[in-house]
Structures are given as C-alpha cells and as structure tokens.
C-alpha atoms as a PDB file:
ATOM      1  CA  MET A   1       6.040   9.680  -8.396  1.00  0.00           C
ATOM      2  CA  GLY A   2       4.103   8.257  -5.471  1.00  0.00           C
ATOM      3  CA  THR A   3       2.341   9.124  -2.249  1.00  0.00           C
ATOM      4  CA  ASN A   4       2.728   7.401   1.107  1.00  0.00           C
ATOM      5  CA  TYR A   5      -0.177   7.067   3.527  1.00  0.00           C
ATOM      6  CA  HIS A   6      -0.125   6.659   7.307  1.00  0.00           C
ATOM      7  CA  ILE A   7      -2.743   6.102   9.948  1.00  0.00           C
ATOM      8  CA  TYR A   8      -2.525   7.713  13.356  1.00  0.00           C
ATOM      9  CA  ILE A   9      -4.062   5.389  15.906  1.00  0.00           C
ATOM     10  CA  THR A  10      -5.520   7.144  18.905  1.00  0.00           C
ATOM     11  CA  ASN A  11      -5.205   5.285  22.164  1.00  0.00           C
ATOM     12  CA  ASP A  12      -6.999   5.781  25.469  1.00  0.00           C
ATOM     13  CA  ASP A  13      -3.974   7.417  27.105  1.00  0.00           C
ATOM     14  CA  VAL A  14      -4.263  11.085  26.117  1.00  0.00           C
ATOM     15  CA  THR A  15      -0.741  11.758  27.378  1.00  0.00           C
ATOM     16  CA  GLN A  16       0.722   9.641  24.576  1.00  0.00           C
ATOM     17  CA  ASP A  17       1.079  10.607  20.946  1.00  0.00           C
ATOM     18  CA  PRO A  18      -0.985   8.474  18.563  1.00  0.00           C
ATOM     19  CA  GLU A  19       0.771   5.430  17.133  1.00  0.00           C
ATOM     20  CA  LYS A  20       1.657   5.916  13.461  1.00  0.00           C
ATOM     21  CA  LEU A  21       1.486   2.998  11.027  1.00  0.00           C
ATOM     22  CA  HIS A  22       2.462   3.104   7.371  1.00  0.00           C
ATOM     23  CA  ILE A  23      -0.549   1.985   5.314  1.00  0.00           C
ATOM     24  CA  GLY A  24       1.351   1.937   2.047  1.00  0.00           C
ATOM     25  CA  LYS A  25       2.227   3.742  -1.120  1.00  0.00           C
ATOM     26  CA  SER A  26       0.343   4.689  -4.263  1.00  0.00           C
ATOM     27  CA  SER A  27       2.504   5.084  -7.369  1.00  0.00           C
ATOM     28  CA  ALA A  28       1.115   5.953 -10.776  1.00  0.00           C
ATOM     29  CA  GLY A  29       0.850   2.900 -13.009  1.00  0.00           C
ATOM     30  CA  TRP A  30       1.579   0.430 -10.212  1.00  0.00           C
ATOM     31  CA  VAL A  31      -0.610  -1.641  -7.916  1.00  0.00           C
ATOM     32  CA  PHE A  32      -0.893  -0.171  -4.418  1.00  0.00           C
ATOM     33  CA  SER A  33       1.897  -1.321  -2.062  1.00  0.00           C
ATOM     34  CA  LEU A  34       0.006  -2.232   1.105  1.00  0.00           C
ATOM     35  CA  ARG A  35       2.162  -2.566   4.218  1.00  0.00           C
ATOM     36  CA  ILE A  36       1.341  -5.511   6.449  1.00  0.00           C
ATOM     37  CA  TYR A  37       2.327  -6.085  10.064  1.00  0.00           C
ATOM     38  CA  PRO A  38       2.153  -9.816  10.857  1.00  0.00           C
ATOM     39  CA  GLN A  39       3.244  -9.152  14.459  1.00  0.00           C
ATOM     40  CA  LEU A  40       0.085  -7.009  14.859  1.00  0.00           C
ATOM     41  CA  GLY A  41      -2.212  -9.438  13.047  1.00  0.00           C
ATOM     42  CA  ILE A  42      -2.430  -7.193   9.960  1.00  0.00           C
ATOM     43  CA  ASN A  43      -1.843  -9.586   7.064  1.00  0.00           C
ATOM     44  CA  THR A  44      -4.446  -8.517   4.488  1.00  0.00           C
ATOM     45  CA  LEU A  45      -6.502  -5.538   3.423  1.00  0.00           C
ATOM     46  CA  TYR A  46      -9.382  -7.047   5.376  1.00  0.00           C
ATOM     47  CA  ASP A  47      -7.278  -7.035   8.551  1.00  0.00           C
ATOM     48  CA  TRP A  48      -6.777  -3.291   8.022  1.00  0.00           C
ATOM     49  CA  MET A  49     -10.530  -2.617   7.936  1.00  0.00           C
ATOM     50  CA  PRO A  50     -11.261  -2.275  11.704  1.00  0.00           C
ATOM     51  CA  ILE A  51      -8.316   0.109  12.047  1.00  0.00           C
ATOM     52  CA  LEU A  52      -9.267   2.179   8.995  1.00  0.00           C
ATOM     53  CA  LEU A  53     -12.937   2.310   9.977  1.00  0.00           C
ATOM     54  CA  ASN A  54     -12.286   3.372  13.569  1.00  0.00           C
ATOM     55  CA  ASN A  55     -13.360   7.029  13.498  1.00  0.00           C
ATOM     56  CA  GLN A  56     -10.938   7.881  16.327  1.00  0.00           C
ATOM     57  CA  ASN A  57      -8.023   7.171  13.973  1.00  0.00           C
ATOM     58  CA  THR A  58      -6.836   9.592  11.312  1.00  0.00           C
ATOM     59  CA  ILE A  59      -5.429   8.809   7.883  1.00  0.00           C
ATOM     60  CA  ARG A  60      -2.973  11.292   6.387  1.00  0.00           C
ATOM     61  CA  ASP A  61      -0.901  11.378   3.243  1.00  0.00           C
ATOM     62  CA  GLU A  62       2.800  12.191   3.400  1.00  0.00           C
ATOM     63  CA  TYR A  63       2.001  15.881   2.902  1.00  0.00           C
ATOM     64  CA  GLY A  64      -0.131  15.995   6.067  1.00  0.00           C
ATOM     65  CA  CYS A  65      -3.506  16.115   4.313  1.00  0.00           C
ATOM     66  CA  GLU A  66      -6.282  14.145   5.974  1.00  0.00           C
ATOM     67  CA  VAL A  67      -7.727  11.360   3.827  1.00  0.00           C
ATOM     68  CA  LEU A  68     -11.230   9.936   4.230  1.00  0.00           C
ATOM     69  CA  VAL A  69     -11.577   6.164   4.613  1.00  0.00           C
ATOM     70  CA  ALA A  70     -13.596   5.855   1.396  1.00  0.00           C
ATOM     71  CA  GLU A  71     -10.911   7.741  -0.522  1.00  0.00           C
ATOM     72  CA  MET A  72      -8.172   5.559   0.968  1.00  0.00           C
ATOM     73  CA  LEU A  73     -10.028   2.387   0.005  1.00  0.00           C
ATOM     74  CA  ARG A  74     -10.563   3.671  -3.557  1.00  0.00           C
ATOM     75  CA  THR A  75      -6.860   4.486  -3.788  1.00  0.00           C
ATOM     76  CA  ILE A  76      -6.054   0.879  -2.870  1.00  0.00           C
ATOM     77  CA  THR A  77      -8.781  -1.031  -4.707  1.00  0.00           C
ATOM     78  CA  ASP A  78      -9.900   1.063  -7.689  1.00  0.00           C
ATOM     79  CA  ARG A  79      -6.741   1.331  -9.770  1.00  0.00           C
ATOM     80  CA  SER A  80      -6.105   0.967 -13.479  1.00  0.00           C
ATOM     81  CA  CYS A  81      -4.184   2.288 -16.475  1.00  0.00           C
ATOM     82  CA  ASP A  82      -5.669   2.900 -19.893  1.00  0.00           C
ATOM     83  CA  GLU A  83      -2.976   0.928 -21.704  1.00  0.00           C
ATOM     84  CA  PRO A  84      -0.505  -1.768 -20.675  1.00  0.00           C
ATOM     85  CA  VAL A  85       3.121  -0.855 -20.050  1.00  0.00           C
ATOM     86  CA  ASN A  86       5.306  -1.518 -23.070  1.00  0.00           C
ATOM     87  CA  TRP A  87       8.645  -2.257 -21.411  1.00  0.00           C
ATOM     88  CA  SER A  88      11.474  -4.334 -22.822  1.00  0.00           C
ATOM     89  CA  ASP A  89      12.521  -7.507 -20.996  1.00  0.00           C
ATOM     90  CA  GLY A  90      15.437  -5.527 -19.556  1.00  0.00           C
ATOM     91  CA  GLU A  91      13.133  -2.824 -18.170  1.00  0.00           C
ATOM     92  CA  TRP A  92      10.884  -5.413 -16.499  1.00  0.00           C
ATOM     93  CA  LYS A  93      13.955  -7.019 -14.935  1.00  0.00           C
ATOM     94  CA  MET A  94      15.515  -3.695 -13.885  1.00  0.00           C
ATOM     95  CA  ASN A  95      12.280  -2.779 -12.078  1.00  0.00           C
ATOM     96  CA  SER A  96      11.859  -6.284 -10.558  1.00  0.00           C
ATOM     97  CA  ALA A  97       8.399  -6.050 -12.047  1.00  0.00           C
ATOM     98  CA  GLU A  98       5.762  -8.040 -13.883  1.00  0.00           C
ATOM     99  CA  PRO A  99       2.400  -7.187 -15.437  1.00  0.00           C
ATOM    100  CA  GLY A 100      -0.429  -6.820 -12.958  1.00  0.00           C
ATOM    101  CA  PRO A 101      -4.208  -6.424 -13.109  1.00  0.00           C
ATOM    102  CA  ASN A 102      -5.943  -3.610 -15.024  1.00  0.00           C
ATOM    103  CA  ASN A 103      -2.804  -2.783 -17.056  1.00  0.00           C
ATOM    104  CA  LEU A 104      -0.886  -1.995 -13.857  1.00  0.00           C
ATOM    105  CA  VAL A 105       2.652  -3.027 -12.967  1.00  0.00           C
ATOM    106  CA  ARG A 106       3.478  -5.002  -9.838  1.00  0.00           C
ATOM    107  CA  VAL A 107       6.715  -6.024  -8.152  1.00  0.00           C
ATOM    108  CA  ARG A 108       7.609  -9.684  -8.545  1.00  0.00           C
ATOM    109  CA  GLU A 109       6.829 -11.711  -5.438  1.00  0.00           C
ATOM    110  CA  MET A 110      10.528 -12.369  -4.894  1.00  0.00           C
ATOM    111  CA  ASN A 111      13.215 -10.200  -6.395  1.00  0.00           C
ATOM    112  CA  GLU A 112      16.981 -10.414  -6.550  1.00  0.00           C
ATOM    113  CA  TYR A 113      17.341  -8.198  -3.473  1.00  0.00           C
ATOM    114  CA  GLY A 114      15.625 -10.765  -1.263  1.00  0.00           C
ATOM    115  CA  PHE A 115      12.487  -8.730  -0.647  1.00  0.00           C
ATOM    116  CA  SER A 116       9.312 -10.694  -0.987  1.00  0.00           C
ATOM    117  CA  ARG A 117       5.810  -9.544  -1.687  1.00  0.00           C
ATOM    118  CA  THR A 118       2.550 -11.359  -1.892  1.00  0.00           C
ATOM    119  CA  HIS A 119       0.146 -10.386  -4.622  1.00  0.00           C
ATOM    120  CA  GLY A 120      -3.107  -9.084  -3.191  1.00  0.00           C
ATOM    121  CA  GLU A 121      -6.593 -10.110  -4.189  1.00  0.00           C
ATOM    122  CA  GLY A 122      -7.024  -7.037  -6.377  1.00  0.00           C
ATOM    123  CA  THR A 123      -5.051  -3.959  -7.361  1.00  0.00           C
ATOM    124  CA  TRP A 124      -2.711  -4.138  -4.384  1.00  0.00           C
ATOM    125  CA  ASP A 125       0.250  -6.165  -3.173  1.00  0.00           C
ATOM    126  CA  TYR A 126       1.276  -6.962   0.396  1.00  0.00           C
ATOM    127  CA  CYS A 127       4.747  -6.271   1.738  1.00  0.00           C
ATOM    128  CA  ASP A 128       6.040  -6.773   5.266  1.00  0.00           C
ATOM    129  CA  TYR A 129       9.087  -4.522   5.016  1.00  0.00           C
ATOM    130  CA  GLU A 130       9.455  -0.771   5.243  1.00  0.00           C
ATOM    131  CA  PHE A 131       9.824   1.168   2.007  1.00  0.00           C
ATOM    132  CA  CYS A 132       9.528   4.771   0.925  1.00  0.00           C
END
C-alpha cells in the first residue's frame, strides 16, 4: 500500500486553478519514488526545495489531506525498515527490485519494461515518468 503526494502551485493569476505536480509516492518498505520534471528543471530533491518551501504552495496527499513541508521531507528522507526483505531471486526479479538503503527495497535503475530510475542520494529514487 502506498500514498501519492502532489503540490498545488499557486500562480499570480487568481483566475487560474493552481498547477498540480506529482511529488511522488511513499510505499511501505520501499524507498520514496520522487517524480522529477527535467523540462521544468526539477532533477533532484534539492531542485524541489524552492517549490516545497514556497508558502503559497500547498502539499496534499492523495486523500486531500494537507501535508506540512517538514512532514513531506521526513517522508522522503527519513525512511527505514527494521529488517531486510527476505525475498527469493524470483521475487526480486518479479518486482524489478534490488536492496536499498536502511533495509528498504528500491526499483532497479533499468528494468525489463524500459523504465529507468536513478537512485537518489538517500532513501529516495528519481523517476521521470508518471506512475500511480
């Protein structure tokens, strides 16, 4: 089970709805899947910081609950599991996964479906494609 997070970016034109960007997904036992937008210059967690810290923007989870910036950052960067996953070779392959930091699981950088990810600097990975 996982939770998706979005940020609603307020612009100066009050007649327009805020722009919505997918921040990423938190899934139990996995590193955080952080969505990047190279076309917008968002390639790392650090590129997200000015957007996240702008108090005119609002972060919400997929259930509509507002999320504070500090909580969002903890969700991305402060992740761990008590024990490592004990999957068979077949289970690792089926999940296109490999062991990650802090006993977490992460998706392989390139899987058989052609999707690529870049491992982040901590308990998150970067992906430039939409996922749910």
